[in-house]
């Protein structure tokens, strides 16, 4: 079964965000609750993230493409 390890990661990996404006209070979101747009924006703008985070974000987008029922759009 594909994505067995990723199914655990997507439920436990957290990302801190200050919202779209960057002025909101810090909020922690687990990967499976993030929108596709948010994940794509992180990959395009956050060059400082670790390779593990980058890999997990890319894997989540592939996972959602393979399983459209998990797709989250803004």
PDB file of N, CA and C in Angstrom:
ATOM      1  N   UNK A   1       0.850  -1.191   0.000  1.00  0.00           N
ATOM      2  CA  UNK A   1       0.000   0.000   0.000  1.00  0.00           C
ATOM      3  C   UNK A   1       0.889   1.246   0.000  1.00  0.00           C
ATOM      4  N   UNK A   2       0.610   2.124  -0.932  1.00  0.00           N
ATOM      5  CA  UNK A   2       1.403   3.350  -1.043  1.00  0.00           C
ATOM      6  C   UNK A   2       1.069   4.321   0.086  1.00  0.00           C
ATOM      7  N   UNK A   3       2.039   5.139   0.421  1.00  0.00           N
ATOM      8  CA  UNK A   3       1.863   6.241   1.356  1.00  0.00           C
ATOM      9  C   UNK A   3       1.588   5.814   2.800  1.00  0.00           C
ATOM     10  N   UNK A   4       1.961   4.605   3.190  1.00  0.00           N
ATOM     11  CA  UNK A   4       1.698   4.161   4.568  1.00  0.00           C
ATOM     12  C   UNK A   4       2.397   5.093   5.565  1.00  0.00           C
ATOM     13  N   UNK A   5       3.686   5.358   5.364  1.00  0.00           N
ATOM     14  CA  UNK A   5       4.426   6.232   6.279  1.00  0.00           C
ATOM     15  C   UNK A   5       3.895   7.657   6.232  1.00  0.00           C
ATOM     16  N   UNK A   6       3.553   8.094   5.030  1.00  0.00           N
ATOM     17  CA  UNK A   6       3.070   9.467   4.896  1.00  0.00           C
ATOM     18  C   UNK A   6       1.733   9.675   5.619  1.00  0.00           C
ATOM     19  N   UNK A   7       0.910   8.654   5.688  1.00  0.00           N
ATOM     20  CA  UNK A   7      -0.375   8.773   6.394  1.00  0.00           C
ATOM     21  C   UNK A   7      -0.162   9.114   7.869  1.00  0.00           C
ATOM     22  N   UNK A   8       0.954   8.665   8.435  1.00  0.00           N
ATOM     23  CA  UNK A   8       1.285   9.016   9.824  1.00  0.00           C
ATOM     24  C   UNK A   8       1.835  10.431   9.880  1.00  0.00           C
ATOM     25  N   UNK A   9       2.734  10.758   8.977  1.00  0.00           N
ATOM     26  CA  UNK A   9       3.352  12.086   8.947  1.00  0.00           C
ATOM     27  C   UNK A   9       2.294  13.167   8.773  1.00  0.00           C
ATOM     28  N   UNK A  10       1.347  12.972   7.880  1.00  0.00           N
ATOM     29  CA  UNK A  10       0.356  14.014   7.594  1.00  0.00           C
ATOM     30  C   UNK A  10      -0.551  14.291   8.788  1.00  0.00           C
ATOM     31  N   UNK A  11      -0.640  13.359   9.729  1.00  0.00           N
ATOM     32  CA  UNK A  11      -1.473  13.550  10.915  1.00  0.00           C
ATOM     33  C   UNK A  11      -0.696  14.132  12.087  1.00  0.00           C
ATOM     34  N   UNK A  12       0.632  14.162  11.988  1.00  0.00           N
ATOM     35  CA  UNK A  12       1.448  14.603  13.116  1.00  0.00           C
ATOM     36  C   UNK A  12       2.343  15.808  12.826  1.00  0.00           C
ATOM     37  N   UNK A  13       2.714  16.028  11.580  1.00  0.00           N
ATOM     38  CA  UNK A  13       3.606  17.142  11.248  1.00  0.00           C
ATOM     39  C   UNK A  13       2.865  18.466  11.372  1.00  0.00           C
ATOM     40  N   UNK A  14       3.477  19.404  12.099  1.00  0.00           N
ATOM     41  CA  UNK A  14       2.845  20.711  12.309  1.00  0.00           C
ATOM     42  C   UNK A  14       3.645  21.810  11.624  1.00  0.00           C
ATOM     43  N   UNK A  15       2.919  22.852  11.229  1.00  0.00           N
ATOM     44  CA  UNK A  15       3.532  24.022  10.603  1.00  0.00           C
ATOM     45  C   UNK A  15       2.970  25.259  11.281  1.00  0.00           C
ATOM     46  N   UNK A  16       3.849  26.169  11.706  1.00  0.00           N
ATOM     47  CA  UNK A  16       3.418  27.411  12.330  1.00  0.00           C
ATOM     48  C   UNK A  16       3.171  28.457  11.266  1.00  0.00           C
ATOM     49  N   UNK A  17       2.051  29.158  11.386  1.00  0.00           N
ATOM     50  CA  UNK A  17       1.714  30.189  10.396  1.00  0.00           C
ATOM     51  C   UNK A  17       1.188  31.447  11.081  1.00  0.00           C
ATOM     52  N   UNK A  18       1.489  32.575  10.488  1.00  0.00           N
ATOM     53  CA  UNK A  18       0.970  33.862  10.947  1.00  0.00           C
ATOM     54  C   UNK A  18      -0.120  34.366  10.010  1.00  0.00           C
ATOM     55  N   UNK A  19      -0.683  33.464   9.232  1.00  0.00           N
ATOM     56  CA  UNK A  19      -1.763  33.835   8.317  1.00  0.00           C
ATOM     57  C   UNK A  19      -1.249  34.442   7.034  1.00  0.00           C
ATOM     58  N   UNK A  20      -2.170  34.714   6.136  1.00  0.00           N
ATOM     59  CA  UNK A  20      -1.820  35.260   4.824  1.00  0.00           C
ATOM     60  C   UNK A  20      -1.140  36.619   4.949  1.00  0.00           C
ATOM     61  N   UNK A  21      -1.641  37.456   5.859  1.00  0.00           N
ATOM     62  CA  UNK A  21      -1.075  38.798   6.030  1.00  0.00           C
ATOM     63  C   UNK A  21       0.251  38.780   6.772  1.00  0.00           C
ATOM     64  N   UNK A  22       0.504  37.728   7.526  1.00  0.00           N
ATOM     65  CA  UNK A  22       1.719  37.659   8.329  1.00  0.00           C
ATOM     66  C   UNK A  22       1.616  38.419   9.629  1.00  0.00           C
ATOM     67  N   UNK A  23       0.434  38.956   9.935  1.00  0.00           N
ATOM     68  CA  UNK A  23       0.243  39.781  11.128  1.00  0.00           C
ATOM     69  C   UNK A  23      -0.696  39.144  12.148  1.00  0.00           C
ATOM     70  N   UNK A  24      -1.181  37.971  11.841  1.00  0.00           N
ATOM     71  CA  UNK A  24      -2.084  37.286  12.760  1.00  0.00           C
ATOM     72  C   UNK A  24      -1.265  36.553  13.822  1.00  0.00           C
ATOM     73  N   UNK A  25      -1.898  36.182  14.924  1.00  0.00           N
ATOM     74  CA  UNK A  25      -1.171  35.414  15.945  1.00  0.00           C
ATOM     75  C   UNK A  25      -0.712  34.061  15.377  1.00  0.00           C
ATOM     76  N   UNK A  26       0.381  33.562  15.924  1.00  0.00           N
ATOM     77  CA  UNK A  26       0.910  32.274  15.484  1.00  0.00           C
ATOM     78  C   UNK A  26      -0.127  31.183  15.711  1.00  0.00           C
ATOM     79  N   UNK A  27      -0.323  30.363  14.688  1.00  0.00           N
ATOM     80  CA  UNK A  27      -1.273  29.264  14.743  1.00  0.00           C
ATOM     81  C   UNK A  27      -0.569  28.029  14.191  1.00  0.00           C
ATOM     82  N   UNK A  28      -0.693  26.902  14.889  1.00  0.00           N
ATOM     83  CA  UNK A  28      -0.080  25.660  14.438  1.00  0.00           C
ATOM     84  C   UNK A  28      -1.124  24.827  13.710  1.00  0.00           C
ATOM     85  N   UNK A  29      -0.766  24.338  12.516  1.00  0.00           N
ATOM     86  CA  UNK A  29      -1.680  23.554  11.687  1.00  0.00           C
ATOM     87  C   UNK A  29      -1.004  22.223  11.372  1.00  0.00           C
ATOM     88  N   UNK A  30      -1.770  21.134  11.434  1.00  0.00           N
ATOM     89  CA  UNK A  30      -1.191  19.858  11.011  1.00  0.00           C
ATOM     90  C   UNK A  30      -1.302  19.766   9.493  1.00  0.00           C
ATOM     91  N   UNK A  31      -0.382  19.044   8.919  1.00  0.00           N
ATOM     92  CA  UNK A  31      -0.256  18.964   7.463  1.00  0.00           C
ATOM     93  C   UNK A  31      -1.567  18.580   6.777  1.00  0.00           C
ATOM     94  N   UNK A  32      -2.294  17.614   7.294  1.00  0.00           N
ATOM     95  CA  UNK A  32      -3.510  17.163   6.615  1.00  0.00           C
ATOM     96  C   UNK A  32      -4.602  18.235   6.594  1.00  0.00           C
ATOM     97  N   UNK A  33      -4.484  19.277   7.409  1.00  0.00           N
ATOM     98  CA  UNK A  33      -5.492  20.351   7.440  1.00  0.00           C
ATOM     99  C   UNK A  33      -5.100  21.565   6.603  1.00  0.00           C
ATOM    100  N   UNK A  34      -3.901  21.561   6.049  1.00  0.00           N
ATOM    101  CA  UNK A  34      -3.447  22.695   5.245  1.00  0.00           C
ATOM    102  C   UNK A  34      -4.061  22.638   3.850  1.00  0.00           C
ATOM    103  N   UNK A  35      -4.328  23.806   3.266  1.00  0.00           N
ATOM    104  CA  UNK A  35      -4.849  23.837   1.904  1.00  0.00           C
ATOM    105  C   UNK A  35      -3.717  23.584   0.912  1.00  0.00           C
ATOM    106  N   UNK A  36      -4.082  23.155  -0.271  1.00  0.00           N
ATOM    107  CA  UNK A  36      -3.085  22.956  -1.323  1.00  0.00           C
ATOM    108  C   UNK A  36      -2.363  24.261  -1.625  1.00  0.00           C
ATOM    109  N   UNK A  37      -3.120  25.354  -1.647  1.00  0.00           N
ATOM    110  CA  UNK A  37      -2.535  26.653  -1.954  1.00  0.00           C
ATOM    111  C   UNK A  37      -1.484  27.038  -0.920  1.00  0.00           C
ATOM    112  N   UNK A  38      -1.759  26.755   0.357  1.00  0.00           N
ATOM    113  CA  UNK A  38      -0.812  27.076   1.422  1.00  0.00           C
ATOM    114  C   UNK A  38       0.469  26.250   1.272  1.00  0.00           C
ATOM    115  N   UNK A  39       0.323  24.969   1.002  1.00  0.00           N
ATOM    116  CA  UNK A  39       1.493  24.111   0.821  1.00  0.00           C
ATOM    117  C   UNK A  39       2.332  24.582  -0.366  1.00  0.00           C
ATOM    118  N   UNK A  40       1.677  24.905  -1.462  1.00  0.00           N
ATOM    119  CA  UNK A  40       2.401  25.393  -2.649  1.00  0.00           C
ATOM    120  C   UNK A  40       3.113  26.705  -2.356  1.00  0.00           C
ATOM    121  N   UNK A  41       2.459  27.601  -1.616  1.00  0.00           N
ATOM    122  CA  UNK A  41       3.072  28.890  -1.267  1.00  0.00           C
ATOM    123  C   UNK A  41       4.315  28.681  -0.403  1.00  0.00           C
ATOM    124  N   UNK A  42       4.254  27.749   0.528  1.00  0.00           N
ATOM    125  CA  UNK A  42       5.416  27.451   1.361  1.00  0.00           C
ATOM    126  C   UNK A  42       6.567  26.949   0.501  1.00  0.00           C
ATOM    127  N   UNK A  43       6.285  26.029  -0.398  1.00  0.00           N
ATOM    128  CA  UNK A  43       7.343  25.473  -1.253  1.00  0.00           C
ATOM    129  C   UNK A  43       7.972  26.540  -2.149  1.00  0.00           C
ATOM    130  N   UNK A  44       7.191  27.538  -2.534  1.00  0.00           N
ATOM    131  CA  UNK A  44       7.705  28.597  -3.417  1.00  0.00           C
ATOM    132  C   UNK A  44       8.449  29.701  -2.669  1.00  0.00           C
ATOM    133  N   UNK A  45       8.122  29.921  -1.396  1.00  0.00           N
ATOM    134  CA  UNK A  45       8.670  31.097  -0.703  1.00  0.00           C
ATOM    135  C   UNK A  45       9.563  30.805   0.489  1.00  0.00           C
ATOM    136  N   UNK A  46       9.472  29.635   1.070  1.00  0.00           N
ATOM    137  CA  UNK A  46      10.217  29.343   2.303  1.00  0.00           C
ATOM    138  C   UNK A  46      11.435  28.469   2.009  1.00  0.00           C
ATOM    139  N   UNK A  47      12.505  29.127   1.658  1.00  0.00           N
ATOM    140  CA  UNK A  47      13.718  28.402   1.263  1.00  0.00           C
ATOM    141  C   UNK A  47      14.478  27.819   2.449  1.00  0.00           C
ATOM    142  N   UNK A  48      14.185  28.293   3.637  1.00  0.00           N
ATOM    143  CA  UNK A  48      14.920  27.864   4.827  1.00  0.00           C
ATOM    144  C   UNK A  48      14.437  26.537   5.412  1.00  0.00           C
ATOM    145  N   UNK A  49      13.323  25.988   4.927  1.00  0.00           N
ATOM    146  CA  UNK A  49      12.779  24.778   5.541  1.00  0.00           C
ATOM    147  C   UNK A  49      13.685  23.574   5.281  1.00  0.00           C
ATOM    148  N   UNK A  50      13.625  22.637   6.191  1.00  0.00           N
ATOM    149  CA  UNK A  50      14.476  21.447   6.074  1.00  0.00           C
ATOM    150  C   UNK A  50      14.025  20.581   4.903  1.00  0.00           C
ATOM    151  N   UNK A  51      14.923  19.718   4.481  1.00  0.00           N
ATOM    152  CA  UNK A  51      14.590  18.816   3.374  1.00  0.00           C
ATOM    153  C   UNK A  51      13.469  17.860   3.784  1.00  0.00           C
ATOM    154  N   UNK A  52      13.381  17.521   5.056  1.00  0.00           N
ATOM    155  CA  UNK A  52      12.301  16.635   5.528  1.00  0.00           C
ATOM    156  C   UNK A  52      10.943  17.308   5.367  1.00  0.00           C
ATOM    157  N   UNK A  53      10.856  18.594   5.714  1.00  0.00           N
ATOM    158  CA  UNK A  53       9.603  19.325   5.538  1.00  0.00           C
ATOM    159  C   UNK A  53       9.277  19.461   4.051  1.00  0.00           C
ATOM    160  N   UNK A  54      10.268  19.831   3.265  1.00  0.00           N
ATOM    161  CA  UNK A  54      10.051  20.000   1.823  1.00  0.00           C
ATOM    162  C   UNK A  54       9.559  18.692   1.198  1.00  0.00           C
ATOM    163  N   UNK A  55      10.183  17.584   1.558  1.00  0.00           N
ATOM    164  CA  UNK A  55       9.791  16.274   1.063  1.00  0.00           C
ATOM    165  C   UNK A  55       8.353  15.926   1.490  1.00  0.00           C
ATOM    166  N   UNK A  56       8.020  16.218   2.736  1.00  0.00           N
ATOM    167  CA  UNK A  56       6.675  15.916   3.249  1.00  0.00           C
ATOM    168  C   UNK A  56       5.609  16.752   2.551  1.00  0.00           C
ATOM    169  N   UNK A  57       5.907  18.036   2.292  1.00  0.00           N
ATOM    170  CA  UNK A  57       4.947  18.887   1.580  1.00  0.00           C
ATOM    171  C   UNK A  57       4.717  18.369   0.164  1.00  0.00           C
ATOM    172  N   UNK A  58       5.792  18.010  -0.522  1.00  0.00           N
ATOM    173  CA  UNK A  58       5.663  17.486  -1.886  1.00  0.00           C
ATOM    174  C   UNK A  58       4.903  16.163  -1.887  1.00  0.00           C
ATOM    175  N   UNK A  59       5.195  15.327  -0.925  1.00  0.00           N
ATOM    176  CA  UNK A  59       4.511  14.034  -0.829  1.00  0.00           C
ATOM    177  C   UNK A  59       3.019  14.237  -0.553  1.00  0.00           C
ATOM    178  N   UNK A  60       2.691  15.223   0.272  1.00  0.00           N
ATOM    179  CA  UNK A  60       1.275  15.504   0.561  1.00  0.00           C
ATOM    180  C   UNK A  60       0.538  15.928  -0.709  1.00  0.00           C
ATOM    181  N   UNK A  61       1.155  16.743  -1.529  1.00  0.00           N
ATOM    182  CA  UNK A  61       0.510  17.149  -2.780  1.00  0.00           C
ATOM    183  C   UNK A  61       0.319  15.960  -3.716  1.00  0.00           C
ATOM    184  N   UNK A  62       1.315  15.072  -3.777  1.00  0.00           N
ATOM    185  CA  UNK A  62       1.169  13.852  -4.590  1.00  0.00           C
ATOM    186  C   UNK A  62       0.082  12.943  -4.017  1.00  0.00           C
ATOM    187  N   UNK A  63       0.045  12.828  -2.695  1.00  0.00           N
ATOM    188  CA  UNK A  63      -0.964  12.018  -2.018  1.00  0.00           C
ATOM    189  C   UNK A  63      -2.367  12.512  -2.367  1.00  0.00           C
ATOM    190  N   UNK A  64      -2.562  13.824  -2.306  1.00  0.00           N
ATOM    191  CA  UNK A  64      -3.882  14.395  -2.606  1.00  0.00           C
ATOM    192  C   UNK A  64      -4.248  14.224  -4.072  1.00  0.00           C
ATOM    193  N   UNK A  65      -3.248  14.224  -4.937  1.00  0.00           N
ATOM    194  CA  UNK A  65      -3.518  14.004  -6.353  1.00  0.00           C
ATOM    195  C   UNK A  65      -3.953  12.555  -6.586  1.00  0.00           C
ATOM    196  N   UNK A  66      -3.349  11.622  -5.853  1.00  0.00           N
ATOM    197  CA  UNK A  66      -3.702  10.210  -5.968  1.00  0.00           C
ATOM    198  C   UNK A  66      -5.033   9.889  -5.292  1.00  0.00           C
ATOM    199  N   UNK A  67      -5.339  10.635  -4.237  1.00  0.00           N
ATOM    200  CA  UNK A  67      -6.577  10.422  -3.478  1.00  0.00           C
ATOM    201  C   UNK A  67      -7.344  11.742  -3.404  1.00  0.00           C
ATOM    202  N   UNK A  68      -8.090  12.100  -4.449  1.00  0.00           N
ATOM    203  CA  UNK A  68      -8.765  13.401  -4.509  1.00  0.00           C
ATOM    204  C   UNK A  68      -9.723  13.694  -3.343  1.00  0.00           C
ATOM    205  N   UNK A  69     -10.169  12.671  -2.656  1.00  0.00           N
ATOM    206  CA  UNK A  69     -11.071  12.901  -1.525  1.00  0.00           C
ATOM    207  C   UNK A  69     -10.373  13.636  -0.377  1.00  0.00           C
ATOM    208  N   UNK A  70      -9.039  13.668  -0.391  1.00  0.00           N
ATOM    209  CA  UNK A  70      -8.283  14.384   0.634  1.00  0.00           C
ATOM    210  C   UNK A  70      -7.872  15.803   0.206  1.00  0.00           C
ATOM    211  N   UNK A  71      -8.269  16.208  -0.969  1.00  0.00           N
ATOM    212  CA  UNK A  71      -7.938  17.518  -1.516  1.00  0.00           C
ATOM    213  C   UNK A  71      -8.581  18.620  -0.679  1.00  0.00           C
ATOM    214  N   UNK A  72      -7.793  19.632  -0.303  1.00  0.00           N
ATOM    215  CA  UNK A  72      -8.311  20.768   0.457  1.00  0.00           C
ATOM    216  C   UNK A  72      -7.973  22.031  -0.321  1.00  0.00           C
ATOM    217  N   UNK A  73      -9.004  22.734  -0.770  1.00  0.00           N
ATOM    218  CA  UNK A  73      -8.810  23.981  -1.509  1.00  0.00           C
ATOM    219  C   UNK A  73      -9.283  25.145  -0.651  1.00  0.00           C
ATOM    220  N   UNK A  74      -8.721  26.315  -0.914  1.00  0.00           N
ATOM    221  CA  UNK A  74      -9.142  27.523  -0.215  1.00  0.00           C
ATOM    222  C   UNK A  74     -10.457  28.005  -0.757  1.00  0.00           C
TER     223      UNK A  74
END
